[in-house]
Amino acid sequence: GWSMIHRGLIGLGFAFLPRTSYQQTRQLTTMAATKGLIFRQLFEKTSSTYTYLLADEKTREGILIDPVVETAERDAALCKDLGVKLTYAVNTHCHADHVTGTGKLKDLIPGCKSAISTASGAKADEKFDHGKVFTIGSHKLAVRATPGHTDGCVTFVLNDGEACFTGDAVLIRGCGRTDFQAGNSEMLYDKVHEEIFSLPESCVLYPAHDYKGHTSSTVGEEKTLNPRLTKTKAEFVEIMANLGLPYPAQIDRALPLNMVCGIQD
C-alpha cells in the first residue's frame, strides 16, 4: 500500500519532511530575506488591499502598514497570537478605495498610534515627512515621499533596501491612477524613478493592492518589466491620461472617513 508508494517516491528523489521540520523550513523561507523579523502579508478581498505586519522577533515591537477597517479585528487577533506589541498603524497614503483600519485598531490595541504623511492633510496621532525613520526593535522602516498617485503618498523602505512598501505608487506591472486626490503623472514618474527605482534591484517590492493574484515583485523586475514606468516620461503621461478608468467605487465613503483616521462619529 502506502509504504510501497512511499519507498517508490523516495527512490524518485522525493523528500518527506517530518511535520516539525516542514514548519521550521517554511518559517525559514518566509524570514530568509530579513533575519529576526516577523513578517505577514494580509489581504482584504473587497478592495484587494494588502496589509503588512512587521515586528521584531526579540522585542515583539510591531508596525502595521495599510490596515482596512473590515479586517482590523483580524489584524488585532494576529498581533495577540504572535505576542506582538503594535506601536504604530500607518498608511502609505489617504486611500480612496477602502476605509482605513487605523482608528479601529487604536480602540482594539491600547498604546497603538496612527500615523500618516503631513502632506496627506489627514488626521492622525503622528504626522511624518520624507526622511522619518520608524524603529521596530533592531529593524528600521524609512519614509520616502513618492507623491503622484495622491499628493501625500509615501513608500516605506525596510533596512536600507531589503524590501519596500510602495502603496499605490508602484503596483506589480502597473501603478496607481493619477486623476484624483491632486494626482500628477509627471510627479509620479519622477518620484518613482528617484525614490524607488534607485533602491537595490534585489529589493522586494510589496504594493498596497494587486488584482491578478500576485503578491510581490522586485525593484529590478519593475525597472525592466513595468509596462508603464519603463516608458519615457512623455509616453507615461500619455498612457495615464487615456486609461479611461471608472469612478472609484468606495471613494465617496472612504475619503471623508480616511481624513479623520477612519473613525465614524
Protein backbone atom coordinates (compact mmCIF):
# COMPACT_ATOMS: atom_id res chain seq x y z
CA GLY A 1 0.00 0.00 0.00
CA TRP A 2 1.25 3.45 1.05
CA SER A 3 4.66 2.14 2.26
CA MET A 4 5.46 0.83 -1.24
CA ILE A 5 4.37 4.11 -2.84
CA HIS A 6 6.36 6.00 -0.21
CA ARG A 7 9.54 3.97 -0.94
CA GLY A 8 8.97 4.40 -4.67
CA LEU A 9 8.66 8.18 -4.38
CA ILE A 10 11.80 8.35 -2.24
CA GLY A 11 13.57 6.34 -4.96
CA LEU A 12 12.49 9.01 -7.46
CA GLY A 13 14.06 11.70 -5.30
CA PHE A 14 11.02 12.95 -3.33
CA ALA A 15 11.86 14.05 0.19
CA PHE A 16 9.38 13.69 3.06
CA LEU A 17 10.00 16.05 5.97
CA PRO A 18 8.61 15.39 9.43
CA ARG A 19 5.88 17.89 10.30
CA THR A 20 8.11 19.87 12.66
CA SER A 21 10.88 20.09 10.07
CA TYR A 22 8.41 21.29 7.44
CA GLN A 23 7.17 24.04 9.75
CA GLN A 24 10.74 25.11 10.50
CA THR A 25 11.63 25.07 6.80
CA ARG A 26 8.59 27.15 5.93
CA GLN A 27 9.39 29.63 8.69
CA LEU A 28 12.96 29.98 7.43
CA THR A 29 11.65 30.55 3.91
CA THR A 30 9.34 33.37 4.92
CA MET A 31 12.01 35.08 7.01
CA ALA A 32 15.03 34.37 4.79
CA ALA A 33 15.28 37.94 3.50
CA THR A 34 15.33 39.59 6.92
CA LYS A 35 16.70 37.73 9.91
CA GLY A 36 14.87 38.36 13.16
CA LEU A 37 11.79 39.88 11.53
CA ILE A 38 8.23 38.62 11.91
CA PHE A 39 6.51 39.38 8.61
CA ARG A 40 2.95 38.77 7.45
CA GLN A 41 1.22 39.84 4.25
CA LEU A 42 -2.54 40.02 4.76
CA PHE A 43 -5.34 40.53 2.24
CA GLU A 44 -8.73 42.28 2.18
CA LYS A 45 -10.72 40.88 -0.71
CA THR A 46 -13.32 43.60 -1.40
CA SER A 47 -10.72 46.28 -2.21
CA SER A 48 -7.87 43.83 -2.99
CA THR A 49 -5.76 45.60 -0.36
CA TYR A 50 -2.62 44.18 1.21
CA THR A 51 -1.92 44.94 4.86
CA TYR A 52 1.57 44.23 6.18
CA LEU A 53 2.65 43.33 9.70
CA LEU A 54 6.32 43.77 10.57
CA ALA A 55 7.65 43.02 14.05
CA ASP A 56 10.95 42.36 15.77
CA GLU A 57 11.33 38.73 16.90
CA LYS A 58 13.07 39.68 20.14
CA THR A 59 11.35 42.85 21.35
CA ARG A 60 7.98 41.97 19.70
CA GLU A 61 7.53 45.64 18.73
CA GLY A 62 5.39 45.84 15.60
CA ILE A 63 4.05 48.15 12.93
CA LEU A 64 1.09 47.60 10.61
CA ILE A 65 1.02 49.14 7.14
CA ASP A 66 -2.26 50.00 5.36
CA PRO A 67 -4.87 48.30 7.59
CA VAL A 68 -8.51 48.11 6.44
CA VAL A 69 -11.41 48.72 8.82
CA GLU A 70 -13.23 45.49 7.88
CA THR A 71 -10.18 43.38 8.79
CA ALA A 72 -8.91 45.36 11.80
CA GLU A 73 -10.14 42.70 14.25
CA ARG A 74 -8.29 40.01 12.31
CA ASP A 75 -5.11 42.08 12.49
CA ALA A 76 -5.50 42.70 16.23
CA ALA A 77 -6.10 38.99 16.84
CA LEU A 78 -2.95 38.10 14.87
CA CYS A 79 -0.89 40.53 16.93
CA LYS A 80 -2.24 38.87 20.09
CA ASP A 81 -1.50 35.38 18.74
CA LEU A 82 2.10 36.32 17.93
CA GLY A 83 2.65 38.34 21.09
CA VAL A 84 3.28 41.48 19.04
CA LYS A 85 3.08 44.88 20.73
CA LEU A 86 1.70 47.06 17.94
CA THR A 87 3.21 50.52 18.33
CA TYR A 88 2.00 52.06 15.05
CA ALA A 89 -0.67 51.58 12.41
CA VAL A 90 0.46 53.61 9.40
CA ASN A 91 -0.84 54.43 5.93
CA THR A 92 1.10 54.85 2.70
CA HIS A 93 -1.47 57.48 1.70
CA CYS A 94 -5.06 58.61 2.21
CA HIS A 95 -6.88 55.77 0.44
CA ALA A 96 -9.90 56.22 -1.82
CA ASP A 97 -10.87 52.55 -2.26
CA HIS A 98 -11.32 51.45 1.36
CA VAL A 99 -11.71 52.87 4.86
CA THR A 100 -8.51 52.68 6.90
CA GLY A 101 -8.43 50.48 9.99
CA THR A 102 -6.10 52.73 12.00
CA GLY A 103 -8.85 54.30 14.11
CA LYS A 104 -10.42 50.95 14.96
CA LEU A 105 -7.05 49.38 15.78
CA LYS A 106 -6.37 52.16 18.29
CA ASP A 107 -9.55 51.06 20.12
CA LEU A 108 -8.64 47.37 19.87
CA ILE A 109 -4.97 47.71 20.87
CA PRO A 110 -4.11 50.07 23.75
CA GLY A 111 -0.94 52.07 23.06
CA CYS A 112 -1.17 51.80 19.27
CA LYS A 113 -0.75 55.13 17.46
CA SER A 114 -1.92 56.08 13.99
CA ALA A 115 0.43 57.83 11.56
CA ILE A 116 0.22 59.31 8.06
CA SER A 117 2.19 61.81 6.00
CA THR A 118 1.84 65.52 6.73
CA ALA A 119 1.25 66.13 3.01
CA SER A 120 -1.87 63.93 3.04
CA GLY A 121 -3.71 66.54 5.12
CA ALA A 122 -5.38 63.72 7.09
CA LYS A 123 -5.66 63.48 10.86
CA ALA A 124 -3.54 61.00 12.84
CA ASP A 125 -1.71 60.77 16.17
CA GLU A 126 1.56 61.44 14.37
CA LYS A 127 2.40 63.07 11.05
CA PHE A 128 5.62 62.26 9.24
CA ASP A 129 7.66 63.58 6.33
CA HIS A 130 10.34 62.33 3.94
CA GLY A 131 13.32 61.02 5.94
CA LYS A 132 11.37 59.89 9.01
CA VAL A 133 12.58 56.52 10.34
CA PHE A 134 10.36 54.19 12.36
CA THR A 135 12.27 51.78 14.60
CA ILE A 136 10.95 48.24 15.03
CA GLY A 137 13.35 46.69 17.54
CA SER A 138 16.56 46.18 15.54
CA HIS A 139 14.86 46.98 12.23
CA LYS A 140 14.29 50.32 10.52
CA LEU A 141 11.48 51.50 8.28
CA ALA A 142 12.39 54.70 6.45
CA VAL A 143 9.92 57.04 4.78
CA ARG A 144 10.44 58.21 1.19
CA ALA A 145 8.00 60.73 -0.27
CA THR A 146 6.57 59.32 -3.53
CA PRO A 147 3.63 61.60 -4.44
CA GLY A 148 1.82 61.45 -7.76
CA HIS A 149 -0.98 58.95 -7.20
CA THR A 150 -2.01 61.36 -4.43
CA ASP A 151 -0.12 64.37 -3.10
CA GLY A 152 0.57 62.57 0.21
CA CYS A 153 1.91 59.18 -0.92
CA VAL A 154 4.98 57.63 0.69
CA THR A 155 7.00 54.46 0.30
CA PHE A 156 8.34 52.66 3.38
CA VAL A 157 11.83 51.17 2.94
CA LEU A 158 12.91 48.32 5.23
CA ASN A 159 16.53 48.18 6.43
CA ASP A 160 18.06 50.31 3.67
CA GLY A 161 16.52 48.35 0.81
CA GLU A 162 15.74 44.77 1.83
CA ALA A 163 12.10 45.47 1.00
CA CYS A 164 9.88 48.41 0.14
CA PHE A 165 6.16 49.02 0.64
CA THR A 166 5.12 51.23 -2.24
CA GLY A 167 1.42 51.83 -1.61
CA ASP A 168 -0.14 52.71 -4.97
CA ALA A 169 2.94 54.45 -6.38
CA VAL A 170 4.21 51.23 -7.94
CA LEU A 171 1.98 48.20 -8.36
CA ILE A 172 3.14 44.90 -9.82
CA ARG A 173 3.46 45.71 -13.55
CA GLY A 174 1.44 48.89 -13.03
CA CYS A 175 0.93 52.00 -10.90
CA GLY A 176 -1.85 53.92 -9.19
CA ARG A 177 -4.14 56.22 -11.17
CA THR A 178 -3.38 59.96 -11.16
CA ASP A 179 -6.78 61.52 -11.88
CA PHE A 180 -7.99 62.04 -8.28
CA GLN A 181 -6.68 63.50 -4.98
CA ALA A 182 -4.26 66.00 -6.54
CA GLY A 183 -2.68 63.26 -8.62
CA ASN A 184 0.09 64.21 -11.03
CA SER A 185 1.53 61.85 -13.65
CA GLU A 186 4.79 63.77 -14.17
CA MET A 187 5.43 63.85 -10.43
CA LEU A 188 4.65 60.15 -10.02
CA TYR A 189 7.07 59.23 -12.80
CA ASP A 190 9.86 61.37 -11.35
CA LYS A 191 9.40 60.23 -7.75
CA VAL A 192 9.23 56.53 -8.65
CA HIS A 193 12.49 56.78 -10.59
CA GLU A 194 14.19 58.91 -7.91
CA GLU A 195 13.00 57.19 -4.74
CA ILE A 196 12.01 53.61 -5.64
CA PHE A 197 13.97 52.64 -8.74
CA SER A 198 17.13 53.93 -7.01
CA LEU A 199 16.84 51.12 -4.43
CA PRO A 200 18.82 47.86 -4.88
CA GLU A 201 17.41 45.75 -7.72
CA SER A 202 17.06 42.84 -5.28
CA CYS A 203 14.78 44.93 -3.02
CA VAL A 204 11.48 43.06 -2.67
CA LEU A 205 8.58 45.30 -3.68
CA TYR A 206 5.25 44.97 -1.85
CA PRO A 207 2.33 47.02 -3.23
CA ALA A 208 -0.87 48.13 -1.46
CA HIS A 209 -3.02 46.25 -3.98
CA ASP A 210 -2.99 43.53 -6.59
CA TYR A 211 -5.89 42.48 -8.79
CA LYS A 212 -4.32 39.48 -10.56
CA GLY A 213 -3.15 37.32 -7.66
CA HIS A 214 0.47 38.47 -7.49
CA THR A 215 1.92 39.12 -4.04
CA SER A 216 5.30 40.78 -4.60
CA SER A 217 7.86 41.85 -7.16
CA THR A 218 11.35 43.37 -7.01
CA VAL A 219 12.70 46.79 -7.89
CA GLY A 220 14.76 45.15 -10.65
CA GLU A 221 11.68 43.50 -12.15
CA GLU A 222 9.64 46.68 -12.21
CA LYS A 223 12.53 48.72 -13.65
CA THR A 224 12.66 46.37 -16.61
CA LEU A 225 9.15 44.90 -16.93
CA ASN A 226 6.64 47.54 -15.76
CA PRO A 227 4.71 48.39 -18.95
CA ARG A 228 4.06 51.99 -17.86
CA LEU A 229 7.08 53.06 -15.84
CA THR A 230 9.67 51.77 -18.33
CA LYS A 231 8.40 54.24 -20.92
CA THR A 232 9.67 57.80 -21.37
CA LYS A 233 8.02 60.41 -19.16
CA ALA A 234 6.05 61.81 -22.12
CA GLU A 235 4.78 58.35 -23.07
CA PHE A 236 3.89 57.64 -19.43
CA VAL A 237 1.87 60.86 -19.15
CA GLU A 238 0.01 59.97 -22.36
CA ILE A 239 -0.79 56.45 -21.08
CA MET A 240 -2.08 57.80 -17.76
CA ALA A 241 -4.26 60.41 -19.50
CA ASN A 242 -6.01 57.72 -21.55
CA LEU A 243 -6.69 54.94 -19.03
CA GLY A 244 -10.44 55.59 -19.06
CA LEU A 245 -10.91 54.18 -15.56
CA PRO A 246 -14.32 54.20 -13.83
CA TYR A 247 -15.09 56.40 -10.82
CA PRO A 248 -13.58 54.72 -7.71
CA ALA A 249 -16.27 52.54 -6.13
CA GLN A 250 -15.76 53.49 -2.46
CA ILE A 251 -14.29 57.00 -2.79
CA ASP A 252 -17.35 58.93 -1.56
CA ARG A 253 -17.49 56.83 1.61
CA ALA A 254 -13.77 56.24 2.13
CA LEU A 255 -12.15 59.64 1.60
CA PRO A 256 -14.07 61.65 4.21
CA LEU A 257 -13.51 58.91 6.82
CA ASN A 258 -9.84 58.47 5.95
CA MET A 259 -9.24 62.17 6.51
CA VAL A 260 -10.18 61.51 10.16
CA CYS A 261 -8.34 58.21 10.75
CA GLY A 262 -11.29 56.10 9.52
CA ILE A 263 -13.38 56.86 12.60
CA GLN A 264 -17.13 57.18 12.17
CA ASP A 265 -18.77 59.56 14.62
